[in-house]
Protein backbone atom coordinates (compact mmCIF):
# COMPACT_ATOMS: atom_id res chain seq x y z
CA MET A 1 -11.76 -9.71 -34.44
CA THR A 2 -15.40 -9.52 -35.44
CA PHE A 3 -18.51 -9.03 -33.35
CA ASP A 4 -21.49 -11.06 -34.54
CA PHE A 5 -24.45 -10.13 -32.39
CA ASN A 6 -26.59 -13.24 -32.62
CA VAL A 7 -27.99 -15.69 -30.09
CA THR A 8 -24.99 -18.00 -30.33
CA TRP A 9 -22.49 -15.17 -29.78
CA ILE A 10 -24.44 -13.66 -26.87
CA THR A 11 -24.78 -17.07 -25.21
CA ALA A 12 -21.05 -17.71 -25.62
CA VAL A 13 -20.21 -14.34 -24.03
CA LEU A 14 -22.58 -15.05 -21.15
CA LEU A 15 -21.09 -18.49 -20.45
CA CYS A 16 -17.52 -17.20 -20.79
CA SER A 17 -18.34 -14.33 -18.41
CA LEU A 18 -19.56 -16.83 -15.82
CA ARG A 19 -16.32 -18.80 -16.03
CA LEU A 20 -14.22 -15.66 -15.77
CA SER A 21 -16.36 -14.31 -12.91
CA ALA A 22 -15.70 -17.40 -10.79
CA LEU A 23 -12.03 -17.25 -11.76
CA LEU A 24 -11.29 -13.55 -11.25
CA LEU A 25 -13.89 -12.09 -8.92
CA LEU A 26 -13.33 -14.76 -6.26
CA THR A 27 -9.52 -14.58 -6.29
CA PRO A 28 -7.07 -12.03 -4.85
CA ILE A 29 -6.12 -10.74 -8.30
CA LEU A 30 -8.98 -8.24 -8.52
CA GLN A 31 -9.94 -8.13 -4.84
CA ALA A 32 -6.71 -6.36 -3.88
CA ALA A 33 -7.42 -3.43 -6.15
CA ALA A 34 -9.84 -0.84 -4.82
CA LEU A 35 -12.11 -1.18 -7.83
CA PRO A 36 -15.88 -0.87 -7.59
CA MET A 37 -17.79 -4.04 -8.30
CA ARG A 38 -19.32 -2.45 -11.39
CA VAL A 39 -15.86 -1.86 -12.86
CA ARG A 40 -14.84 -5.45 -12.12
CA ILE A 41 -17.93 -6.81 -13.83
CA LEU A 42 -17.34 -4.63 -16.88
CA LEU A 43 -13.73 -5.82 -17.00
CA VAL A 44 -14.85 -9.45 -16.92
CA VAL A 45 -17.46 -8.90 -19.64
CA ALA A 46 -14.92 -7.04 -21.84
CA LEU A 47 -12.44 -9.89 -21.43
CA ALA A 48 -15.16 -12.43 -22.27
CA VAL A 49 -16.10 -10.51 -25.43
CA SER A 50 -12.44 -10.40 -26.49
CA LEU A 51 -11.95 -14.13 -25.94
CA VAL A 52 -15.16 -15.17 -27.67
CA SER A 53 -14.60 -12.91 -30.68
CA GLY A 54 -10.85 -13.47 -30.92
CA MET A 55 -10.98 -17.26 -30.57
CA GLY A 56 -14.24 -17.72 -32.43
CA LEU A 57 -15.82 -19.56 -29.52
CA ALA A 58 -19.29 -21.03 -29.54
CA PRO A 59 -21.22 -23.09 -27.00
CA ALA A 60 -20.75 -26.84 -27.25
CA GLU A 61 -24.53 -27.11 -27.48
CA LEU A 62 -26.83 -24.12 -27.75
CA PRO A 63 -29.26 -24.22 -24.79
CA SER A 64 -32.83 -24.80 -25.94
CA ASP A 65 -34.59 -23.70 -22.75
CA LEU A 66 -33.98 -21.88 -19.50
CA PHE A 67 -33.11 -25.05 -17.58
CA SER A 68 -30.38 -26.09 -20.02
CA LEU A 69 -29.01 -22.53 -19.97
CA PHE A 70 -28.89 -22.66 -16.18
CA ALA A 71 -27.12 -26.06 -16.30
CA SER A 72 -24.55 -24.75 -18.78
CA GLY A 73 -23.95 -21.70 -16.60
CA ALA A 74 -23.51 -23.91 -13.53
CA ASN A 75 -20.88 -25.94 -15.41
CA GLU A 76 -18.99 -22.75 -16.24
CA VAL A 77 -19.07 -21.59 -12.61
CA ILE A 78 -17.72 -24.98 -11.49
CA VAL A 79 -14.87 -24.83 -14.01
CA GLY A 80 -14.01 -21.26 -13.02
CA GLY A 81 -14.19 -22.11 -9.31
CA LEU A 82 -11.87 -25.07 -9.79
CA MET A 83 -9.35 -22.87 -11.56
CA ALA A 84 -9.74 -20.23 -8.84
CA TYR A 85 -8.84 -22.90 -6.27
CA GLY A 86 -5.39 -23.15 -7.84
CA ILE A 87 -4.91 -19.38 -7.63
CA PHE A 88 -6.05 -19.29 -4.01
CA ALA A 89 -3.60 -22.05 -3.12
CA ALA A 90 -0.72 -20.14 -4.72
CA PHE A 91 -1.46 -16.91 -2.85
CA ALA A 92 -2.20 -18.83 0.35
CA ALA A 93 1.41 -20.03 0.36
CA PHE A 94 2.54 -16.43 0.88
CA SER A 95 -0.03 -15.89 3.63
CA PHE A 96 1.03 -19.11 5.33
CA ALA A 97 4.68 -18.02 5.22
CA GLY A 98 3.75 -14.63 6.68
CA ASN A 99 1.72 -16.21 9.49
CA LEU A 100 4.64 -18.48 10.38
CA LEU A 101 6.97 -15.48 10.58
CA ASP A 102 4.45 -13.45 12.57
CA LEU A 103 4.16 -16.29 15.05
CA GLN A 104 7.92 -16.53 15.54
CA VAL A 105 8.66 -12.81 15.48
CA GLY A 106 5.70 -11.90 17.70
CA PHE A 107 3.71 -9.71 15.32
CA ASN A 108 0.65 -11.92 15.67
CA ILE A 109 -0.15 -10.08 18.87
CA ALA A 110 -1.52 -7.21 16.78
CA SER A 111 -3.51 -7.65 13.59
CA ILE A 112 -4.09 -5.20 10.76
CA PHE A 113 -6.51 -5.08 7.86
CA ASP A 114 -5.46 -7.26 4.93
CA PRO A 115 -6.51 -5.80 1.53
CA ILE A 116 -6.13 -9.21 -0.13
CA THR A 117 -8.56 -11.23 1.97
CA ARG A 118 -10.63 -8.25 3.21
CA GLY A 119 -10.06 -9.39 6.78
CA GLU A 120 -7.64 -8.96 9.64
CA SER A 121 -4.26 -10.64 9.52
CA PRO A 122 -0.86 -10.07 11.15
CA LEU A 123 1.67 -7.63 9.78
CA LEU A 124 4.02 -9.87 7.80
CA ALA A 125 1.16 -11.96 6.42
CA SER A 126 -0.38 -8.81 4.94
CA LEU A 127 3.00 -7.67 3.65
CA LEU A 128 3.75 -10.96 1.91
CA SER A 129 0.24 -11.05 0.44
CA MET A 130 0.83 -7.67 -1.20
CA VAL A 131 4.31 -8.76 -2.31
CA ALA A 132 2.74 -11.85 -3.89
CA LEU A 133 0.34 -9.71 -5.89
CA ALA A 134 3.15 -7.40 -7.03
CA LEU A 135 5.32 -10.36 -8.07
CA PHE A 136 2.37 -11.89 -9.91
CA PHE A 137 2.32 -8.94 -12.32
CA ALA A 138 6.09 -8.35 -12.26
CA LEU A 139 6.76 -11.94 -13.39
CA ASP A 140 4.16 -11.63 -16.18
CA ALA A 141 2.10 -14.36 -14.56
CA HIS A 142 -1.03 -12.48 -15.63
CA HIS A 143 -0.09 -13.17 -19.25
CA THR A 144 0.24 -16.85 -18.43
CA LEU A 145 -3.11 -16.60 -16.66
CA LEU A 146 -4.79 -15.37 -19.84
CA ARG A 147 -3.15 -18.16 -21.83
CA GLY A 148 -4.38 -20.60 -19.20
CA VAL A 149 -7.92 -19.29 -19.59
CA ALA A 150 -7.67 -19.76 -23.37
CA TYR A 151 -6.31 -23.27 -22.76
CA SER A 152 -9.29 -24.08 -20.53
CA LEU A 153 -11.68 -22.87 -23.23
CA GLU A 154 -10.04 -25.22 -25.71
CA ARG A 155 -10.03 -28.22 -23.37
CA ILE A 156 -13.54 -27.66 -21.98
CA PRO A 157 -15.80 -25.90 -24.50
CA LEU A 158 -18.34 -23.40 -23.26
CA GLY A 159 -21.33 -25.08 -21.67
CA ALA A 160 -19.76 -28.54 -21.71
CA ALA A 161 -19.64 -30.59 -18.54
CA MET A 162 -16.14 -31.30 -17.28
CA GLN A 163 -14.93 -34.64 -16.03
CA THR A 164 -14.65 -35.25 -12.32
CA PRO A 165 -11.23 -33.91 -11.27
CA ASP A 166 -8.70 -36.23 -9.73
CA PRO A 167 -8.92 -35.87 -5.91
CA ALA A 168 -5.18 -36.48 -5.70
CA ALA A 169 -4.56 -33.30 -7.72
CA LEU A 170 -6.73 -31.27 -5.35
CA ILE A 171 -4.98 -32.68 -2.29
CA ARG A 172 -1.57 -32.16 -3.87
CA GLN A 173 -2.36 -28.51 -4.61
CA PHE A 174 -3.61 -28.04 -1.05
CA GLY A 175 -0.40 -29.57 0.29
CA SER A 176 1.70 -27.23 -1.84
CA VAL A 177 0.40 -24.35 0.31
CA PHE A 178 2.39 -25.65 3.25
CA SER A 179 5.48 -26.87 1.40
CA LEU A 180 5.91 -23.71 -0.70
CA GLY A 181 4.97 -21.47 2.22
CA LEU A 182 7.60 -23.14 4.37
CA LEU A 183 10.10 -22.70 1.54
CA LEU A 184 9.40 -18.95 1.49
CA ALA A 185 9.81 -18.56 5.25
CA ALA A 186 12.63 -21.08 5.77
CA PRO A 187 15.66 -18.72 6.10
CA PRO A 188 14.13 -16.35 8.70
CA LEU A 189 12.55 -19.29 10.57
CA PHE A 190 15.87 -21.10 10.79
CA CYS A 191 17.65 -17.99 12.10
CA LEU A 192 14.88 -17.39 14.63
CA PHE A 193 15.15 -21.02 15.71
CA LEU A 194 18.86 -20.48 16.44
CA VAL A 195 18.01 -17.32 18.36
CA GLN A 196 15.49 -19.24 20.46
CA ILE A 197 18.11 -21.85 21.29
CA ALA A 198 20.58 -19.14 22.30
CA LEU A 199 17.99 -17.44 24.49
CA ALA A 200 17.08 -20.76 26.09
CA VAL A 201 20.73 -21.35 27.00
CA LEU A 202 20.97 -17.80 28.30
CA SER A 203 17.88 -18.25 30.48
CA ARG A 204 19.42 -21.33 32.06
CA SER A 205 22.70 -19.52 32.69
CA LEU A 206 21.15 -16.24 33.93
CA PRO A 207 17.69 -17.07 35.35
CA GLN A 208 17.35 -13.58 36.81
CA LEU A 209 17.00 -12.06 33.32
CA ASN A 210 13.54 -11.43 31.92
CA ILE A 211 14.01 -13.48 28.75
CA LEU A 212 10.44 -12.88 27.58
CA MET A 213 10.89 -9.11 27.36
CA LEU A 214 14.42 -9.49 26.03
CA SER A 215 13.47 -11.94 23.29
CA MET A 216 10.81 -9.76 21.66
CA PRO A 217 13.08 -7.01 20.27
CA ILE A 218 15.75 -9.57 19.38
CA ASN A 219 13.28 -11.68 17.41
CA ILE A 220 11.95 -8.60 15.60
CA VAL A 221 15.41 -7.36 14.63
CA VAL A 222 16.67 -10.77 13.54
CA GLY A 223 13.47 -11.73 11.72
CA LEU A 224 13.14 -8.48 9.76
CA SER A 225 16.88 -8.35 8.97
CA VAL A 226 16.99 -11.86 7.57
CA LEU A 227 13.72 -11.30 5.69
CA ALA A 228 15.12 -8.15 4.10
CA TYR A 229 18.35 -9.98 3.22
CA VAL A 230 16.56 -12.85 1.42
CA ALA A 231 13.92 -10.62 -0.20
CA GLY A 232 15.95 -10.57 -3.40
CA HIS A 233 15.37 -14.31 -3.82
CA PHE A 234 11.59 -14.06 -3.52
CA GLY A 235 11.22 -13.79 -7.28
CA SER A 236 12.62 -17.27 -7.98
CA VAL A 237 10.53 -18.84 -5.23
CA ALA A 238 7.42 -16.95 -6.36
CA ALA A 239 7.96 -18.31 -9.88
CA LYS A 240 7.78 -21.84 -8.46
CA VAL A 241 4.63 -20.94 -6.52
CA PHE A 242 2.86 -19.59 -9.59
CA ASP A 243 4.09 -22.47 -11.75
CA SER A 244 2.35 -24.84 -9.35
CA MET A 245 -0.90 -23.02 -10.08
CA PHE A 246 -0.63 -23.58 -13.83
CA THR A 247 0.55 -27.17 -13.34
CA PHE A 248 -2.61 -27.76 -11.32
CA TRP A 249 -4.70 -26.38 -14.17
CA GLU A 250 -3.06 -28.75 -16.64
CA GLY A 251 -3.77 -31.67 -14.34
CA VAL A 252 -7.47 -31.01 -13.68
CA LEU A 253 -8.55 -29.70 -17.08
């Protein structure tokens, strides 16, 4: 790896940093860590320097004026934002599964601070968001992420305008949020559905019982027990979720 400090190299690092900024700074990968913004920016710049020097990257066309430099930078932000959309959709599947479980268990009554989205979300949604981030690194998906970034730099050179992405790919990735999220939450949801049927029959047989107050602890115990029982299978499902992210990248790049 060599560092050649000339205009071409500096421009390539700048354009690569813009693509990585839209990809990493706007996604949950770095937002979950309590890192100062200055540290995140330095991390992005260091990664851009490594990619440009290691892969020998150069702009597709060296900008001749400020307007062309701005246009090239805008193209890089668009490419990075499109790739970030795939990452958001993958992590949103876990949040969607958590919100479904919170709705059925009853935890959506109280909300807590979610370190992933920097907002308030129910208990299980926050838990599954943190589990998703842990599984992302445990399954070495961050290595695949770096290979995906290198793949994007080969398919779309720095500063080059990308083709208009297929709207069907965007819609398909958006739909995967619901299908994969439902797949994650399916076992506890099915058990809670059976519990609701049993409680409905019980309320018809014994109308004097306060089913509302009785159902809350039952739903919590059943939901958390089943969720803990199937937690060992989250890795295989999470692998499918993250694979959908990289499949989306291959389709739009």
